[in-house]
N, C-alpha and C. Protein backbone atom coordinates (compact mmCIF):
# COMPACT_ATOMS: atom_id res chain seq x y z
N MET A 1 126.22 180.07 37.53
CA MET A 1 126.79 179.95 38.80
C MET A 1 125.99 178.88 39.57
N ASN A 2 126.67 177.86 40.04
CA ASN A 2 125.97 176.89 40.78
C ASN A 2 125.86 177.18 42.25
N ASN A 3 125.24 176.41 43.03
CA ASN A 3 124.90 176.55 44.42
C ASN A 3 126.33 176.63 45.20
N GLU A 4 127.29 175.85 44.98
CA GLU A 4 128.65 175.81 45.65
C GLU A 4 129.28 177.16 45.40
N GLU A 5 129.33 177.56 44.18
CA GLU A 5 129.99 178.77 43.84
C GLU A 5 129.26 179.99 44.44
N PHE A 6 128.02 179.98 44.49
CA PHE A 6 127.26 181.01 45.10
C PHE A 6 127.54 181.08 46.69
N GLN A 7 127.55 179.90 47.38
CA GLN A 7 127.81 179.88 48.77
C GLN A 7 129.34 180.40 49.00
N LYS A 8 130.22 179.95 48.19
CA LYS A 8 131.60 180.39 48.36
C LYS A 8 131.67 181.91 48.18
N LEU A 9 131.02 182.47 47.29
CA LEU A 9 131.02 183.94 46.98
C LEU A 9 130.39 184.63 48.24
N VAL A 10 129.34 184.09 48.73
CA VAL A 10 128.61 184.66 49.91
C VAL A 10 129.58 184.67 51.04
N LEU A 11 130.19 183.55 51.28
CA LEU A 11 131.15 183.40 52.43
C LEU A 11 132.31 184.41 52.30
N GLU A 12 132.85 184.55 51.10
CA GLU A 12 133.96 185.44 50.88
C GLU A 12 133.49 186.96 51.21
N LYS A 13 132.27 187.22 50.77
CA LYS A 13 131.77 188.60 51.07
C LYS A 13 131.47 188.78 52.51
N LEU A 14 130.97 187.73 53.19
CA LEU A 14 130.83 187.80 54.59
C LEU A 14 132.04 187.99 55.34
N ASN A 15 133.17 187.25 54.96
CA ASN A 15 134.41 187.44 55.57
C ASN A 15 134.97 188.78 55.38
N LYS A 16 134.79 189.44 54.23
CA LYS A 16 135.24 190.87 54.01
C LYS A 16 134.53 191.72 54.85
N LEU A 17 133.22 191.52 54.99
CA LEU A 17 132.33 192.37 55.91
C LEU A 17 132.82 192.23 57.38
N ASP A 18 133.14 191.06 57.78
CA ASP A 18 133.55 190.78 59.10
C ASP A 18 134.93 191.51 59.31
N GLU A 19 135.90 191.44 58.45
CA GLU A 19 137.15 192.15 58.53
C GLU A 19 136.93 193.65 58.56
N GLY A 20 136.01 194.10 57.71
CA GLY A 20 135.68 195.52 57.70
C GLY A 20 135.09 195.93 59.00
N GLN A 21 134.23 195.14 59.59
CA GLN A 21 133.64 195.51 60.94
C GLN A 21 134.72 195.55 61.98
N LYS A 22 135.69 194.54 61.95
CA LYS A 22 136.65 194.62 62.98
C LYS A 22 137.59 195.82 62.85
N SER A 23 137.92 196.09 61.59
CA SER A 23 138.71 197.33 61.30
C SER A 23 137.98 198.61 61.81
N PHE A 24 136.70 198.59 61.54
CA PHE A 24 135.87 199.77 62.00
C PHE A 24 135.89 199.95 63.60
N GLU A 25 135.72 198.72 64.22
CA GLU A 25 135.72 198.70 65.69
C GLU A 25 137.05 199.12 66.25
N GLU A 26 138.11 198.69 65.67
CA GLU A 26 139.43 199.14 66.11
C GLU A 26 139.60 200.65 65.89
N GLY A 27 139.18 201.16 64.75
CA GLY A 27 139.20 202.60 64.57
C GLY A 27 138.38 203.39 65.50
N GLN A 28 137.26 202.89 65.86
CA GLN A 28 136.33 203.46 66.88
C GLN A 28 137.07 203.58 68.23
N LYS A 29 137.62 202.41 68.64
CA LYS A 29 138.30 202.36 69.90
C LYS A 29 139.46 203.45 69.95
N LYS A 30 140.23 203.39 68.84
CA LYS A 30 141.33 204.43 68.77
C LYS A 30 140.79 205.80 68.91
N LEU A 31 139.72 206.05 68.19
CA LEU A 31 139.15 207.41 68.20
C LEU A 31 138.66 207.80 69.68
N GLU A 32 138.09 206.82 70.28
CA GLU A 32 137.57 207.00 71.69
C GLU A 32 138.81 207.32 72.59
N ARG A 33 139.93 206.60 72.45
CA ARG A 33 141.04 206.92 73.26
C ARG A 33 141.61 208.31 72.95
N GLU A 34 141.70 208.67 71.68
CA GLU A 34 142.18 210.00 71.25
C GLU A 34 141.25 211.17 71.83
N VAL A 35 139.96 210.90 71.81
CA VAL A 35 138.98 211.91 72.39
C VAL A 35 139.19 212.08 73.85
N LYS A 36 139.44 210.92 74.49
CA LYS A 36 139.68 210.89 75.99
C LYS A 36 140.96 211.78 76.24
N ASP A 37 142.01 211.51 75.39
CA ASP A 37 143.20 212.31 75.62
C ASP A 37 143.05 213.79 75.42
N LEU A 38 142.25 214.10 74.37
CA LEU A 38 141.96 215.49 74.06
C LEU A 38 141.11 216.20 75.15
N LYS A 39 140.28 215.51 75.78
CA LYS A 39 139.50 216.02 76.86
C LYS A 39 140.42 216.31 78.04
N ARG A 40 141.38 215.35 78.30
CA ARG A 40 142.29 215.60 79.38
C ARG A 40 143.19 216.85 79.12
N ASP A 41 143.66 216.86 77.90
CA ASP A 41 144.50 218.08 77.42
C ASP A 41 143.69 219.44 77.48
N VAL A 42 142.53 219.48 77.09
CA VAL A 42 141.58 220.56 77.20
C VAL A 42 141.52 221.01 78.65
N LYS A 43 141.25 220.06 79.65
CA LYS A 43 141.14 220.33 80.93
C LYS A 43 142.36 220.92 81.57
N GLU A 44 143.49 220.37 81.13
CA GLU A 44 144.81 220.94 81.61
C GLU A 44 145.00 222.34 81.11
N ILE A 45 144.68 222.60 79.84
CA ILE A 45 144.80 223.90 79.19
C ILE A 45 143.92 224.92 79.94
N LYS A 46 142.68 224.52 80.26
CA LYS A 46 141.76 225.41 81.03
C LYS A 46 142.39 225.76 82.32
N HIS A 47 142.99 224.84 82.95
CA HIS A 47 143.61 225.07 84.28
C HIS A 47 144.74 225.99 84.18
N ASP A 48 145.61 225.77 83.20
CA ASP A 48 146.68 226.71 82.93
C ASP A 48 146.25 228.13 82.55
N VAL A 49 145.22 228.25 81.75
CA VAL A 49 144.81 229.58 81.40
C VAL A 49 144.17 230.23 82.62
N LYS A 50 143.42 229.58 83.42
CA LYS A 50 142.87 230.13 84.59
C LYS A 50 144.02 230.66 85.57
N ALA A 51 145.12 229.79 85.66
CA ALA A 51 146.21 230.26 86.47
C ALA A 51 146.90 231.47 85.95
N ALA A 52 147.02 231.48 84.55
CA ALA A 52 147.63 232.65 83.91
C ALA A 52 146.87 233.93 84.13
N TRP A 53 145.48 233.79 84.04
CA TRP A 53 144.74 234.97 84.35
C TRP A 53 144.77 235.48 85.80
N GLY A 54 144.95 234.48 86.69
CA GLY A 54 145.13 234.86 88.07
C GLY A 54 146.40 235.58 88.25
N ASP A 55 147.45 235.18 87.58
CA ASP A 55 148.77 235.86 87.59
C ASP A 55 148.61 237.30 87.06
N ILE A 56 147.91 237.42 85.92
CA ILE A 56 147.63 238.76 85.27
C ILE A 56 146.92 239.63 86.20
N LEU A 57 145.95 239.10 86.93
CA LEU A 57 145.20 239.94 87.83
C LEU A 57 146.10 240.39 89.07
N LEU A 58 146.93 239.51 89.55
CA LEU A 58 147.80 239.96 90.62
C LEU A 58 148.77 241.11 90.08
N ILE A 59 149.33 240.89 88.86
CA ILE A 59 150.15 241.92 88.31
C ILE A 59 149.41 243.25 88.17
N ASP A 60 148.16 243.16 87.70
CA ASP A 60 147.34 244.32 87.50
C ASP A 60 147.13 244.97 88.80
N ASN A 61 146.83 244.28 89.80
CA ASN A 61 146.55 244.85 91.13
C ASN A 61 147.80 245.53 91.72
N ARG A 62 149.04 244.88 91.44
CA ARG A 62 150.20 245.56 91.89
C ARG A 62 150.53 246.87 91.13
N LEU A 63 150.30 246.75 89.83
CA LEU A 63 150.49 248.05 89.13
C LEU A 63 149.49 249.12 89.50
N SER A 64 148.27 248.78 89.81
CA SER A 64 147.33 249.67 90.25
C SER A 64 147.80 250.29 91.61
N ALA A 65 148.26 249.50 92.44
CA ALA A 65 148.70 250.00 93.80
C ALA A 65 149.88 250.95 93.53
N GLN A 66 150.81 250.59 92.69
CA GLN A 66 151.92 251.39 92.38
C GLN A 66 151.53 252.68 91.81
N GLU A 67 150.57 252.76 90.93
CA GLU A 67 150.03 254.00 90.32
C GLU A 67 149.48 254.90 91.36
N GLU A 68 148.78 254.31 92.32
CA GLU A 68 148.15 255.02 93.41
C GLU A 68 149.33 255.66 94.27
N MET A 69 150.24 254.94 94.55
CA MET A 69 151.47 255.41 95.35
C MET A 69 152.12 256.54 94.62
N VAL A 70 152.31 256.44 93.35
CA VAL A 70 152.94 257.45 92.52
C VAL A 70 152.15 258.71 92.60
N GLU A 71 150.80 258.59 92.34
CA GLU A 71 149.95 259.74 92.38
C GLU A 71 149.99 260.42 93.68
N LYS A 72 150.10 259.70 94.84
CA LYS A 72 150.13 260.31 96.14
C LYS A 72 151.46 261.02 96.27
N ILE A 73 152.56 260.44 95.83
CA ILE A 73 153.83 261.05 96.06
C ILE A 73 153.92 262.26 95.19
N ALA A 74 153.32 262.27 94.00
CA ALA A 74 153.38 263.34 93.00
C ALA A 74 152.61 264.56 93.62
N LYS A 75 151.61 264.36 94.50
CA LYS A 75 150.81 265.44 94.97
C LYS A 75 151.45 266.25 95.98
């Protein structure tokens, strides 16, 4: 292998490395966007779960009040 062939081979390999690096960076950016979306979704889910538990607590309080009223009436 002469010097020109070696230089050509090295340039080809460097180009492949450069393409791989660009592909990696694009994948990294996509992953970062998806993680950001997941964080937003998790935040929304936490909010919804908190609201659901609030509703459950209200229903539980109403049932407890009705149970007390039934007990008073039954006496």
